[in-house]
Amino acid sequence: MKKFLLLIILQLIILQLITGCGGGQGTNSGGDTKSGNTIVVGLDDEYAPMGFRDKNGELIGFDIDLAKEAAKRMGVTLELLPIDWNNKENELESGRIDIIWNGLDITPERKERILYSKPYMDNRQILLVKKDNHQGIRSETDLAGKIVGTQAGSNSETYIHQNEDLRDSFAEFKTYRNFRDAFNELESGAVDVLIVDELAGRYEMSKVPSKFDPIEVTVGPVTEIGIGFRKEDVELRDKVQKVFDSMVADGTARKISEHWFQADLIKARR
């Protein structure tokens, strides 16, 4: 009799362990947007002012502030996950992140793998040189014979590789994991000129005005910035777009832009 009761007790304990371990439905390591609880935003954490770390290591930035406000209005938890920008499409498609919200240019090549929101900013690629060292550069063709650098995976890199004659005219073409490394290389003299997103370049110059000069040459086409989603995540894209539109309508997006850029750079809805 005692053995029979002990067997029943053991069976009950095993049943509780099984249901306790497998019965709950939580988020996975990359965030479970289907449950509506968590949205994981992938970003380059060294791309000031869109997304970067402050002196305490906290993630801050223009796009981060926009994403936080959108998540608050959607009633979801926001997780910020730094990624290798050169591998952003794979990070998105694998499910490790749900959204790319980090100064993401809209290009035909990226549209093949990314579902975009409406564009919310314009962007262009400009040239950056050391202070008072313009090297006679007035157009793209004047880059011939120069050591030119940019960020790997950026719109600038894509444009240069699509224009082989321009690329082949350089003494050398270098790419960097992030713009911070690129700025350091320019300062050290390892490159003669950088091709950079205007937003990132002007922010860097505002911090150290004595180090760099912009050259008012637009490299490649003017582009638009949007929020990126997996191709199949139309419902999530539409939800984020709806709250972002409300942020534009009530002036919240404008205030965030003015905080970071001292100007309203948010595109008017068409």
C-alpha atoms as a PDB file:
ATOM      1  CA  MET A   1       0.000   0.000   0.000  1.00  0.00           C
ATOM      2  CA  LYS A   2       2.796   2.398   0.906  1.00  0.00           C
ATOM      3  CA  LYS A   3       4.590   1.595  -2.341  1.00  0.00           C
ATOM      4  CA  PHE A   4       1.392   2.294  -4.282  1.00  0.00           C
ATOM      5  CA  LEU A   5       0.922   5.706  -2.613  1.00  0.00           C
ATOM      6  CA  LEU A   6       4.591   6.593  -3.212  1.00  0.00           C
ATOM      7  CA  LEU A   7       4.218   5.751  -6.905  1.00  0.00           C
ATOM      8  CA  ILE A   8       1.170   8.030  -7.204  1.00  0.00           C
ATOM      9  CA  ILE A   9       3.035  10.888  -5.485  1.00  0.00           C
ATOM     10  CA  LEU A  10       6.034  10.479  -7.808  1.00  0.00           C
ATOM     11  CA  GLN A  11       3.742  10.515 -10.860  1.00  0.00           C
ATOM     12  CA  LEU A  12       2.084  13.754  -9.668  1.00  0.00           C
ATOM     13  CA  ILE A  13       5.478  15.416  -9.126  1.00  0.00           C
ATOM     14  CA  ILE A  14       6.643  14.432 -12.621  1.00  0.00           C
ATOM     15  CA  LEU A  15       3.404  15.746 -14.152  1.00  0.00           C
ATOM     16  CA  GLN A  16       3.837  19.109 -12.394  1.00  0.00           C
ATOM     17  CA  LEU A  17       7.419  19.400 -13.614  1.00  0.00           C
ATOM     18  CA  ILE A  18       6.398  18.689 -17.189  1.00  0.00           C
ATOM     19  CA  THR A  19       3.523  21.193 -17.249  1.00  0.00           C
ATOM     20  CA  GLY A  20       5.600  23.790 -15.415  1.00  0.00           C
ATOM     21  CA  CYS A  21       8.420  23.624 -17.968  1.00  0.00           C
ATOM     22  CA  GLY A  22       6.390  23.416 -21.139  1.00  0.00           C
ATOM     23  CA  GLY A  23       3.028  24.939 -20.414  1.00  0.00           C
ATOM     24  CA  GLY A  24       3.916  28.650 -20.556  1.00  0.00           C
ATOM     25  CA  GLN A  25       4.249  30.673 -23.764  1.00  0.00           C
ATOM     26  CA  GLY A  26       6.901  33.380 -23.479  1.00  0.00           C
ATOM     27  CA  THR A  27       9.055  35.402 -25.842  1.00  0.00           C
ATOM     28  CA  ASN A  28      12.013  33.796 -27.571  1.00  0.00           C
ATOM     29  CA  SER A  29      15.574  35.159 -27.497  1.00  0.00           C
ATOM     30  CA  GLY A  30      14.903  37.375 -30.484  1.00  0.00           C
ATOM     31  CA  GLY A  31      11.595  38.769 -29.249  1.00  0.00           C
ATOM     32  CA  ASP A  32       8.126  37.371 -30.002  1.00  0.00           C
ATOM     33  CA  THR A  33       6.152  39.977 -31.887  1.00  0.00           C
ATOM     34  CA  LYS A  34       3.326  37.489 -32.451  1.00  0.00           C
ATOM     35  CA  SER A  35       2.519  37.632 -28.738  1.00  0.00           C
ATOM     36  CA  GLY A  36       2.575  41.422 -28.918  1.00  0.00           C
ATOM     37  CA  ASN A  37       4.839  41.638 -25.876  1.00  0.00           C
ATOM     38  CA  THR A  38       8.293  42.501 -27.186  1.00  0.00           C
ATOM     39  CA  ILE A  39       9.703  44.145 -30.290  1.00  0.00           C
ATOM     40  CA  VAL A  40      13.437  43.844 -30.924  1.00  0.00           C
ATOM     41  CA  VAL A  41      15.007  46.763 -32.786  1.00  0.00           C
ATOM     42  CA  GLY A  42      18.355  46.142 -34.448  1.00  0.00           C
ATOM     43  CA  LEU A  43      20.794  49.030 -34.710  1.00  0.00           C
ATOM     44  CA  ASP A  44      24.387  50.095 -35.184  1.00  0.00           C
ATOM     45  CA  ASP A  45      25.291  51.322 -31.690  1.00  0.00           C
ATOM     46  CA  GLU A  46      28.066  53.569 -33.017  1.00  0.00           C
ATOM     47  CA  TYR A  47      26.004  55.578 -35.494  1.00  0.00           C
ATOM     48  CA  ALA A  48      25.519  58.942 -33.821  1.00  0.00           C
ATOM     49  CA  PRO A  49      23.123  60.658 -33.627  1.00  0.00           C
ATOM     50  CA  MET A  50      20.686  57.955 -34.813  1.00  0.00           C
ATOM     51  CA  GLY A  51      21.730  55.326 -32.264  1.00  0.00           C
ATOM     52  CA  PHE A  52      24.864  55.217 -30.094  1.00  0.00           C
ATOM     53  CA  ARG A  53      26.131  54.860 -26.529  1.00  0.00           C
ATOM     54  CA  ASP A  54      26.615  57.749 -24.139  1.00  0.00           C
ATOM     55  CA  LYS A  55      29.555  58.034 -21.734  1.00  0.00           C
ATOM     56  CA  ASN A  56      27.774  55.664 -19.350  1.00  0.00           C
ATOM     57  CA  GLY A  57      27.258  53.032 -22.031  1.00  0.00           C
ATOM     58  CA  GLU A  58      23.513  53.665 -22.347  1.00  0.00           C
ATOM     59  CA  LEU A  59      21.957  53.465 -25.807  1.00  0.00           C
ATOM     60  CA  ILE A  60      20.624  56.854 -26.890  1.00  0.00           C
ATOM     61  CA  GLY A  61      19.847  58.651 -30.136  1.00  0.00           C
ATOM     62  CA  PHE A  62      17.300  60.183 -32.451  1.00  0.00           C
ATOM     63  CA  ASP A  63      15.894  56.951 -33.875  1.00  0.00           C
ATOM     64  CA  ILE A  64      16.005  55.317 -30.443  1.00  0.00           C
ATOM     65  CA  ASP A  65      13.812  58.101 -29.055  1.00  0.00           C
ATOM     66  CA  LEU A  66      11.369  57.631 -31.942  1.00  0.00           C
ATOM     67  CA  ALA A  67      11.289  53.851 -31.401  1.00  0.00           C
ATOM     68  CA  LYS A  68      10.751  54.221 -27.644  1.00  0.00           C
ATOM     69  CA  GLU A  69       7.816  56.565 -28.168  1.00  0.00           C
ATOM     70  CA  ALA A  70       6.278  54.245 -30.769  1.00  0.00           C
ATOM     71  CA  ALA A  71       6.643  51.219 -28.477  1.00  0.00           C
ATOM     72  CA  LYS A  72       5.031  53.130 -25.595  1.00  0.00           C
ATOM     73  CA  ARG A  73       2.030  54.002 -27.742  1.00  0.00           C
ATOM     74  CA  MET A  74       1.750  50.402 -28.948  1.00  0.00           C
ATOM     75  CA  GLY A  75       1.921  49.090 -25.385  1.00  0.00           C
ATOM     76  CA  VAL A  76       4.866  46.776 -26.075  1.00  0.00           C
ATOM     77  CA  THR A  77       8.300  46.270 -24.567  1.00  0.00           C
ATOM     78  CA  LEU A  78      11.171  47.601 -26.678  1.00  0.00           C
ATOM     79  CA  GLU A  79      14.460  45.701 -26.784  1.00  0.00           C
ATOM     80  CA  LEU A  80      17.448  47.405 -28.425  1.00  0.00           C
ATOM     81  CA  LEU A  81      19.947  44.982 -29.945  1.00  0.00           C
ATOM     82  CA  PRO A  82      23.240  46.164 -31.498  1.00  0.00           C
ATOM     83  CA  ILE A  83      24.025  44.257 -34.702  1.00  0.00           C
ATOM     84  CA  ASP A  84      26.670  44.090 -37.409  1.00  0.00           C
ATOM     85  CA  TRP A  85      25.273  46.640 -39.863  1.00  0.00           C
ATOM     86  CA  ASN A  86      26.835  44.807 -42.781  1.00  0.00           C
ATOM     87  CA  ASN A  87      24.717  41.768 -41.845  1.00  0.00           C
ATOM     88  CA  LYS A  88      21.447  43.580 -41.096  1.00  0.00           C
ATOM     89  CA  GLU A  89      19.275  41.803 -43.676  1.00  0.00           C
ATOM     90  CA  ASN A  90      20.290  38.377 -42.363  1.00  0.00           C
ATOM     91  CA  GLU A  91      19.649  39.480 -38.767  1.00  0.00           C
ATOM     92  CA  LEU A  92      16.145  40.540 -39.777  1.00  0.00           C
ATOM     93  CA  GLU A  93      15.306  37.459 -41.833  1.00  0.00           C
ATOM     94  CA  SER A  94      16.610  35.085 -39.159  1.00  0.00           C
ATOM     95  CA  GLY A  95      14.140  36.518 -36.621  1.00  0.00           C
ATOM     96  CA  ARG A  96      16.868  37.680 -34.251  1.00  0.00           C
ATOM     97  CA  ILE A  97      15.521  41.216 -34.654  1.00  0.00           C
ATOM     98  CA  ASP A  98      12.064  42.411 -35.700  1.00  0.00           C
ATOM     99  CA  ILE A  99      12.779  45.926 -36.941  1.00  0.00           C
ATOM    100  CA  ILE A 100      15.730  47.920 -38.279  1.00  0.00           C
ATOM    101  CA  TRP A 101      15.296  51.480 -37.056  1.00  0.00           C
ATOM    102  CA  ASN A 102      18.626  53.252 -37.412  1.00  0.00           C
ATOM    103  CA  GLY A 103      18.971  55.711 -40.281  1.00  0.00           C
ATOM    104  CA  LEU A 104      18.124  52.969 -42.800  1.00  0.00           C
ATOM    105  CA  ASP A 105      18.282  54.259 -46.373  1.00  0.00           C
ATOM    106  CA  ILE A 106      15.599  52.979 -48.736  1.00  0.00           C
ATOM    107  CA  THR A 107      17.260  51.475 -51.820  1.00  0.00           C
ATOM    108  CA  PRO A 108      16.020  49.179 -54.610  1.00  0.00           C
ATOM    109  CA  GLU A 109      18.499  46.489 -53.526  1.00  0.00           C
ATOM    110  CA  ARG A 110      17.327  46.532 -49.919  1.00  0.00           C
ATOM    111  CA  LYS A 111      13.667  46.518 -50.956  1.00  0.00           C
ATOM    112  CA  GLU A 112      14.195  43.017 -52.302  1.00  0.00           C
ATOM    113  CA  ARG A 113      14.705  41.765 -48.736  1.00  0.00           C
ATOM    114  CA  ILE A 114      13.170  44.453 -46.511  1.00  0.00           C
ATOM    115  CA  LEU A 115       9.612  45.753 -46.091  1.00  0.00           C
ATOM    116  CA  TYR A 116       9.713  49.500 -45.442  1.00  0.00           C
ATOM    117  CA  SER A 117       7.586  52.057 -43.679  1.00  0.00           C
ATOM    118  CA  LYS A 118       6.860  55.318 -45.424  1.00  0.00           C
ATOM    119  CA  PRO A 119      10.032  57.434 -45.619  1.00  0.00           C
ATOM    120  CA  TYR A 120      10.344  59.845 -42.718  1.00  0.00           C
ATOM    121  CA  MET A 121      13.606  61.674 -43.534  1.00  0.00           C
ATOM    122  CA  ASP A 122      15.803  62.571 -46.492  1.00  0.00           C
ATOM    123  CA  ASN A 123      19.480  61.725 -46.515  1.00  0.00           C
ATOM    124  CA  ARG A 124      22.462  62.224 -48.774  1.00  0.00           C
ATOM    125  CA  GLN A 125      26.095  61.198 -48.845  1.00  0.00           C
ATOM    126  CA  ILE A 126      28.663  63.975 -48.474  1.00  0.00           C
ATOM    127  CA  LEU A 127      32.442  64.183 -48.291  1.00  0.00           C
ATOM    128  CA  LEU A 128      34.359  64.817 -45.093  1.00  0.00           C
ATOM    129  CA  VAL A 129      38.011  65.853 -44.863  1.00  0.00           C
ATOM    130  CA  LYS A 130      40.377  67.029 -42.161  1.00  0.00           C
ATOM    131  CA  LYS A 131      40.052  70.677 -41.176  1.00  0.00           C
ATOM    132  CA  ASP A 132      41.425  73.044 -43.839  1.00  0.00           C
ATOM    133  CA  ASN A 133      42.557  70.152 -46.063  1.00  0.00           C
ATOM    134  CA  HIS A 134      40.074  70.264 -48.947  1.00  0.00           C
ATOM    135  CA  GLN A 135      42.618  68.848 -51.430  1.00  0.00           C
ATOM    136  CA  GLY A 136      40.998  70.658 -54.332  1.00  0.00           C
ATOM    137  CA  ILE A 137      37.947  68.384 -54.216  1.00  0.00           C
ATOM    138  CA  ARG A 138      34.915  69.957 -55.914  1.00  0.00           C
ATOM    139  CA  SER A 139      33.230  66.902 -57.439  1.00  0.00           C
ATOM    140  CA  GLU A 140      33.303  63.103 -57.437  1.00  0.00           C
ATOM    141  CA  THR A 141      35.920  63.055 -60.180  1.00  0.00           C
ATOM    142  CA  ASP A 142      38.343  64.914 -57.907  1.00  0.00           C
ATOM    143  CA  LEU A 143      38.507  61.824 -55.698  1.00  0.00           C
ATOM    144  CA  ALA A 144      40.847  60.234 -58.237  1.00  0.00           C
ATOM    145  CA  GLY A 145      44.149  59.286 -56.616  1.00  0.00           C
ATOM    146  CA  LYS A 146      42.739  59.675 -53.083  1.00  0.00           C
ATOM    147  CA  ILE A 147      42.401  57.107 -50.307  1.00  0.00           C
ATOM    148  CA  VAL A 148      38.646  57.048 -49.762  1.00  0.00           C
ATOM    149  CA  GLY A 149      36.760  55.428 -46.895  1.00  0.00           C
ATOM    150  CA  THR A 150      33.177  54.709 -45.813  1.00  0.00           C
ATOM    151  CA  GLN A 151      31.135  52.359 -43.611  1.00  0.00           C
ATOM    152  CA  ALA A 152      30.728  48.739 -44.685  1.00  0.00           C
ATOM    153  CA  GLY A 153      27.145  47.939 -45.658  1.00  0.00           C
ATOM    154  CA  SER A 154      26.264  51.599 -46.149  1.00  0.00           C
ATOM    155  CA  ASN A 155      24.506  53.198 -49.084  1.00  0.00           C
ATOM    156  CA  SER A 156      27.840  54.866 -49.900  1.00  0.00           C
ATOM    157  CA  GLU A 157      29.601  51.525 -50.287  1.00  0.00           C
ATOM    158  CA  THR A 158      26.842  50.235 -52.549  1.00  0.00           C
ATOM    159  CA  TYR A 159      27.048  53.329 -54.757  1.00  0.00           C
ATOM    160  CA  ILE A 160      30.843  53.132 -55.102  1.00  0.00           C
ATOM    161  CA  HIS A 161      30.800  49.440 -56.027  1.00  0.00           C
ATOM    162  CA  GLN A 162      28.104  50.128 -58.625  1.00  0.00           C
ATOM    163  CA  ASN A 163      30.348  52.761 -60.221  1.00  0.00           C
ATOM    164  CA  GLU A 164      33.501  50.823 -61.034  1.00  0.00           C
ATOM    165  CA  ASP A 165      35.203  53.627 -62.981  1.00  0.00           C
ATOM    166  CA  LEU A 166      34.885  55.926 -59.971  1.00  0.00           C
ATOM    167  CA  ARG A 167      36.088  53.243 -57.557  1.00  0.00           C
ATOM    168  CA  ASP A 168      39.022  52.285 -59.775  1.00  0.00           C
ATOM    169  CA  SER A 169      40.148  55.913 -59.885  1.00  0.00           C
ATOM    170  CA  PHE A 170      40.800  55.875 -56.117  1.00  0.00           C
ATOM    171  CA  ALA A 171      44.273  55.155 -54.805  1.00  0.00           C
ATOM    172  CA  GLU A 172      42.484  52.874 -52.329  1.00  0.00           C
ATOM    173  CA  PHE A 173      38.928  52.260 -51.132  1.00  0.00           C
ATOM    174  CA  LYS A 174      38.533  51.302 -47.467  1.00  0.00           C
ATOM    175  CA  THR A 175      35.437  50.253 -45.535  1.00  0.00           C
ATOM    176  CA  TYR A 176      34.977  50.287 -41.785  1.00  0.00           C
ATOM    177  CA  ARG A 177      32.728  48.427 -39.363  1.00  0.00           C
ATOM    178  CA  ASN A 178      31.275  51.721 -38.141  1.00  0.00           C
ATOM    179  CA  PHE A 179      31.643  55.452 -38.664  1.00  0.00           C
ATOM    180  CA  ARG A 180      33.502  55.930 -35.392  1.00  0.00           C
ATOM    181  CA  ASP A 181      36.400  53.866 -36.757  1.00  0.00           C
ATOM    182  CA  ALA A 182      36.169  55.776 -40.040  1.00  0.00           C
ATOM    183  CA  PHE A 183      36.347  59.178 -38.297  1.00  0.00           C
ATOM    184  CA  ASN A 184      39.379  58.014 -36.307  1.00  0.00           C
ATOM    185  CA  GLU A 185      41.099  56.926 -39.510  1.00  0.00           C
ATOM    186  CA  LEU A 186      40.407  60.288 -41.136  1.00  0.00           C
ATOM    187  CA  GLU A 187      41.784  62.113 -38.124  1.00  0.00           C
ATOM    188  CA  SER A 188      44.938  59.978 -38.149  1.00  0.00           C
ATOM    189  CA  GLY A 189      45.498  60.550 -41.867  1.00  0.00           C
ATOM    190  CA  ALA A 190      45.008  56.891 -42.837  1.00  0.00           C
ATOM    191  CA  VAL A 191      42.379  58.049 -45.350  1.00  0.00           C
ATOM    192  CA  ASP A 192      42.191  61.309 -47.290  1.00  0.00           C
ATOM    193  CA  VAL A 193      38.432  61.668 -47.460  1.00  0.00           C
ATOM    194  CA  LEU A 194      35.341  59.941 -46.107  1.00  0.00           C
ATOM    195  CA  ILE A 195      31.988  59.443 -47.802  1.00  0.00           C
ATOM    196  CA  VAL A 196      29.454  59.688 -44.978  1.00  0.00           C
ATOM    197  CA  ASP A 197      25.758  60.080 -44.314  1.00  0.00           C
ATOM    198  CA  GLU A 198      25.205  63.806 -43.931  1.00  0.00           C
ATOM    199  CA  LEU A 199      23.316  63.315 -40.659  1.00  0.00           C
ATOM    200  CA  ALA A 200      26.180  61.384 -39.068  1.00  0.00           C
ATOM    201  CA  GLY A 201      28.854  63.613 -40.539  1.00  0.00           C
ATOM    202  CA  ARG A 202      27.364  66.883 -39.391  1.00  0.00           C
ATOM    203  CA  TYR A 203      26.709  65.515 -35.915  1.00  0.00           C
ATOM    204  CA  GLU A 204      30.344  64.434 -35.621  1.00  0.00           C
ATOM    205  CA  MET A 205      31.496  67.861 -36.765  1.00  0.00           C
ATOM    206  CA  SER A 206      29.251  69.572 -34.213  1.00  0.00           C
ATOM    207  CA  LYS A 207      31.077  67.710 -31.435  1.00  0.00           C
ATOM    208  CA  VAL A 208      34.586  68.467 -32.708  1.00  0.00           C
ATOM    209  CA  PRO A 209      34.286  71.491 -35.033  1.00  0.00           C
ATOM    210  CA  SER A 210      38.053  71.950 -35.130  1.00  0.00           C
ATOM    211  CA  LYS A 211      38.789  68.529 -36.659  1.00  0.00           C
ATOM    212  CA  PHE A 212      36.748  68.078 -39.854  1.00  0.00           C
ATOM    213  CA  ASP A 213      35.281  70.036 -42.761  1.00  0.00           C
ATOM    214  CA  PRO A 214      32.406  69.003 -45.019  1.00  0.00           C
ATOM    215  CA  ILE A 215      32.735  69.367 -48.770  1.00  0.00           C
ATOM    216  CA  GLU A 216      29.409  70.299 -50.317  1.00  0.00           C
ATOM    217  CA  VAL A 217      29.433  67.547 -52.904  1.00  0.00           C
ATOM    218  CA  THR A 218      26.550  65.065 -52.986  1.00  0.00           C
ATOM    219  CA  VAL A 219      27.875  61.586 -53.779  1.00  0.00           C
ATOM    220  CA  GLY A 220      25.264  59.496 -55.536  1.00  0.00           C
ATOM    221  CA  PRO A 221      21.523  60.118 -55.331  1.00  0.00           C
ATOM    222  CA  VAL A 222      19.665  61.731 -52.450  1.00  0.00           C
ATOM    223  CA  THR A 223      17.936  58.925 -50.556  1.00  0.00           C
ATOM    224  CA  GLU A 224      15.070  58.544 -48.102  1.00  0.00           C
ATOM    225  CA  ILE A 225      15.174  56.928 -44.676  1.00  0.00           C
ATOM    226  CA  GLY A 226      12.579  54.432 -43.498  1.00  0.00           C
ATOM    227  CA  ILE A 227      11.923  51.761 -40.872  1.00  0.00           C
ATOM    228  CA  GLY A 228      12.696  48.204 -42.011  1.00  0.00           C
ATOM    229  CA  PHE A 229      10.673  45.032 -41.352  1.00  0.00           C
ATOM    230  CA  ARG A 230      10.641  41.420 -42.520  1.00  0.00           C
ATOM    231  CA  LYS A 231       8.893  41.089 -45.871  1.00  0.00           C
ATOM    232  CA  GLU A 232       6.059  39.057 -44.351  1.00  0.00           C
ATOM    233  CA  ASP A 233       5.475  41.343 -41.343  1.00  0.00           C
ATOM    234  CA  VAL A 234       2.934  43.619 -43.014  1.00  0.00           C
ATOM    235  CA  GLU A 235       0.729  43.716 -39.909  1.00  0.00           C
ATOM    236  CA  LEU A 236       3.600  44.862 -37.688  1.00  0.00           C
ATOM    237  CA  ARG A 237       4.671  47.449 -40.263  1.00  0.00           C
ATOM    238  CA  ASP A 238       1.147  48.846 -40.422  1.00  0.00           C
ATOM    239  CA  LYS A 239       0.870  49.068 -36.614  1.00  0.00           C
ATOM    240  CA  VAL A 240       4.168  50.924 -36.320  1.00  0.00           C
ATOM    241  CA  GLN A 241       3.246  53.203 -39.220  1.00  0.00           C
ATOM    242  CA  LYS A 242      -0.046  54.088 -37.570  1.00  0.00           C
ATOM    243  CA  VAL A 243       1.578  55.171 -34.298  1.00  0.00           C
ATOM    244  CA  PHE A 244       4.401  56.957 -36.125  1.00  0.00           C
ATOM    245  CA  ASP A 245       1.836  58.933 -38.133  1.00  0.00           C
ATOM    246  CA  SER A 246       0.204  59.940 -34.844  1.00  0.00           C
ATOM    247  CA  MET A 247       3.608  61.094 -33.561  1.00  0.00           C
ATOM    248  CA  VAL A 248       3.993  63.285 -36.632  1.00  0.00           C
ATOM    249  CA  ALA A 249       0.446  64.635 -36.378  1.00  0.00           C
ATOM    250  CA  ASP A 250       0.711  65.684 -32.718  1.00  0.00           C
ATOM    251  CA  GLY A 251       4.200  67.179 -33.064  1.00  0.00           C
ATOM    252  CA  THR A 252       6.090  64.580 -31.005  1.00  0.00           C
ATOM    253  CA  ALA A 253       8.323  63.524 -33.903  1.00  0.00           C
ATOM    254  CA  ARG A 254       9.115  67.177 -34.619  1.00  0.00           C
ATOM    255  CA  LYS A 255      10.161  67.766 -30.995  1.00  0.00           C
ATOM    256  CA  ILE A 256      12.461  64.731 -31.067  1.00  0.00           C
ATOM    257  CA  SER A 257      14.022  65.966 -34.314  1.00  0.00           C
ATOM    258  CA  GLU A 258      14.562  69.448 -32.887  1.00  0.00           C
ATOM    259  CA  HIS A 259      16.216  67.959 -29.813  1.00  0.00           C
ATOM    260  CA  TRP A 260      18.822  66.101 -31.886  1.00  0.00           C
ATOM    261  CA  PHE A 261      19.224  68.313 -34.966  1.00  0.00           C
ATOM    262  CA  GLN A 262      17.969  71.727 -33.829  1.00  0.00           C
ATOM    263  CA  ALA A 263      15.608  71.523 -36.816  1.00  0.00           C
ATOM    264  CA  ASP A 264      12.466  69.693 -37.934  1.00  0.00           C
ATOM    265  CA  LEU A 265      13.797  67.149 -40.456  1.00  0.00           C
ATOM    266  CA  ILE A 266      10.723  64.900 -40.420  1.00  0.00           C
ATOM    267  CA  LYS A 267       9.243  64.564 -43.894  1.00  0.00           C
ATOM    268  CA  ALA A 268       5.702  65.842 -44.276  1.00  0.00           C
ATOM    269  CA  ARG A 269       3.192  63.088 -44.984  1.00  0.00           C
ATOM    270  CA  ARG A 270       2.166  62.925 -48.607  1.00  0.00           C
END
